[in-house]
């Protein structure tokens, strides 16, 4: 399990990476991706592939978000009320399955 730790952080940086020519203040979402706000108190913005939305584990998070917020998300985008570490762990596992 400790072997995947460095990979998780590298993958998290890839998710959050903003292409050159854009600043973090600009709303850039690559084609085939969606913005997700993650966190229990402080929300952090992630850009993930749309294909993740079909995965059963990700759908569990979406169901939890629906129970928490309904369809009125406070950030204006898809908001998932889970710990950031848990989200990064899930997306890292999904990336391994896709590769």
Protein backbone atom coordinates (compact mmCIF):
# COMPACT_ATOMS: atom_id res chain seq x y z
CA UNK A 1 0.00 0.00 0.00
CA UNK A 2 2.90 2.36 0.72
CA UNK A 3 4.13 1.78 -2.82
CA UNK A 4 1.18 3.72 -4.24
CA UNK A 5 1.70 6.73 -1.96
CA UNK A 6 4.08 8.64 -4.27
CA UNK A 7 1.91 7.76 -7.28
CA UNK A 8 -1.16 9.20 -5.54
CA UNK A 9 0.51 12.57 -5.09
CA UNK A 10 1.83 12.59 -8.65
CA UNK A 11 -1.65 11.75 -9.94
CA UNK A 12 -3.23 14.41 -7.71
CA UNK A 13 -0.86 16.97 -9.21
CA UNK A 14 -1.92 15.84 -12.70
CA UNK A 15 -5.57 16.34 -11.79
CA UNK A 16 -4.89 19.83 -10.44
CA UNK A 17 -2.37 20.86 -13.08
CA UNK A 18 -3.31 23.96 -15.06
CA UNK A 19 -1.90 24.09 -18.62
CA UNK A 20 0.48 26.91 -19.47
CA UNK A 21 -1.20 30.07 -20.64
CA UNK A 22 -3.91 29.78 -18.02
CA UNK A 23 -3.93 30.95 -14.42
CA UNK A 24 -5.61 29.20 -11.54
CA UNK A 25 -8.16 32.00 -11.43
CA UNK A 26 -9.40 31.18 -14.92
CA UNK A 27 -11.96 28.45 -15.33
CA UNK A 28 -10.25 25.92 -17.58
CA UNK A 29 -11.75 22.47 -17.96
CA UNK A 30 -10.26 20.20 -20.64
CA UNK A 31 -12.63 18.46 -23.03
CA UNK A 32 -13.87 15.21 -21.51
CA UNK A 33 -13.43 16.40 -17.91
CA UNK A 34 -15.67 17.79 -15.19
CA UNK A 35 -15.02 20.05 -12.18
CA UNK A 36 -15.73 18.58 -8.75
CA UNK A 37 -15.50 20.45 -5.45
CA UNK A 38 -14.35 18.18 -2.64
CA UNK A 39 -14.15 18.66 1.10
CA UNK A 40 -16.15 18.63 4.29
CA UNK A 41 -15.62 22.23 5.38
CA UNK A 42 -13.24 23.87 2.90
CA UNK A 43 -13.93 22.83 -0.68
CA UNK A 44 -11.07 22.20 -3.11
CA UNK A 45 -11.52 22.19 -6.89
CA UNK A 46 -10.56 19.04 -8.83
CA UNK A 47 -10.80 18.37 -12.55
CA UNK A 48 -11.49 14.69 -13.27
CA UNK A 49 -12.26 12.67 -16.42
CA UNK A 50 -15.96 12.28 -17.19
CA UNK A 51 -15.44 8.51 -17.41
CA UNK A 52 -15.12 8.44 -13.59
CA UNK A 53 -18.82 9.34 -13.31
CA UNK A 54 -19.75 5.84 -14.53
CA UNK A 55 -17.67 3.98 -11.96
CA UNK A 56 -19.68 2.44 -9.06
CA UNK A 57 -17.33 3.84 -6.38
CA UNK A 58 -17.62 7.35 -7.78
CA UNK A 59 -21.38 6.95 -8.06
CA UNK A 60 -21.47 6.17 -4.34
CA UNK A 61 -19.85 9.55 -3.70
CA UNK A 62 -22.38 11.20 -6.01
CA UNK A 63 -25.24 9.55 -4.13
CA UNK A 64 -23.80 10.83 -0.85
CA UNK A 65 -23.55 14.31 -2.37
CA UNK A 66 -27.17 14.10 -3.49
CA UNK A 67 -28.27 13.15 0.02
CA UNK A 68 -26.23 16.03 1.49
CA UNK A 69 -27.04 18.81 -0.99
CA UNK A 70 -29.81 17.57 -3.26
CA UNK A 71 -29.36 19.38 -6.55
CA UNK A 72 -28.49 22.73 -4.96
CA UNK A 73 -24.70 22.64 -4.76
CA UNK A 74 -23.28 25.60 -2.79
CA UNK A 75 -20.20 26.00 -5.01
CA UNK A 76 -22.29 26.19 -8.16
CA UNK A 77 -20.69 22.97 -9.42
CA UNK A 78 -20.71 19.34 -8.40
CA UNK A 79 -19.84 19.22 -4.68
CA UNK A 80 -18.81 16.04 -2.87
CA UNK A 81 -18.72 16.28 0.94
CA UNK A 82 -15.91 13.83 1.69
CA UNK A 83 -12.35 14.12 2.92
CA UNK A 84 -9.90 15.26 0.28
CA UNK A 85 -7.55 12.34 1.04
CA UNK A 86 -10.36 9.83 0.47
CA UNK A 87 -11.20 11.46 -2.87
CA UNK A 88 -7.56 11.41 -3.99
CA UNK A 89 -7.31 7.76 -2.96
CA UNK A 90 -10.43 6.87 -4.96
CA UNK A 91 -9.35 8.76 -8.07
CA UNK A 92 -5.90 7.17 -7.86
CA UNK A 93 -7.48 3.70 -7.80
CA UNK A 94 -9.74 4.64 -10.71
CA UNK A 95 -6.73 5.86 -12.70
CA UNK A 96 -5.02 2.48 -12.15
CA UNK A 97 -8.11 0.66 -13.43
CA UNK A 98 -8.36 2.85 -16.52
CA UNK A 99 -4.66 2.48 -17.43
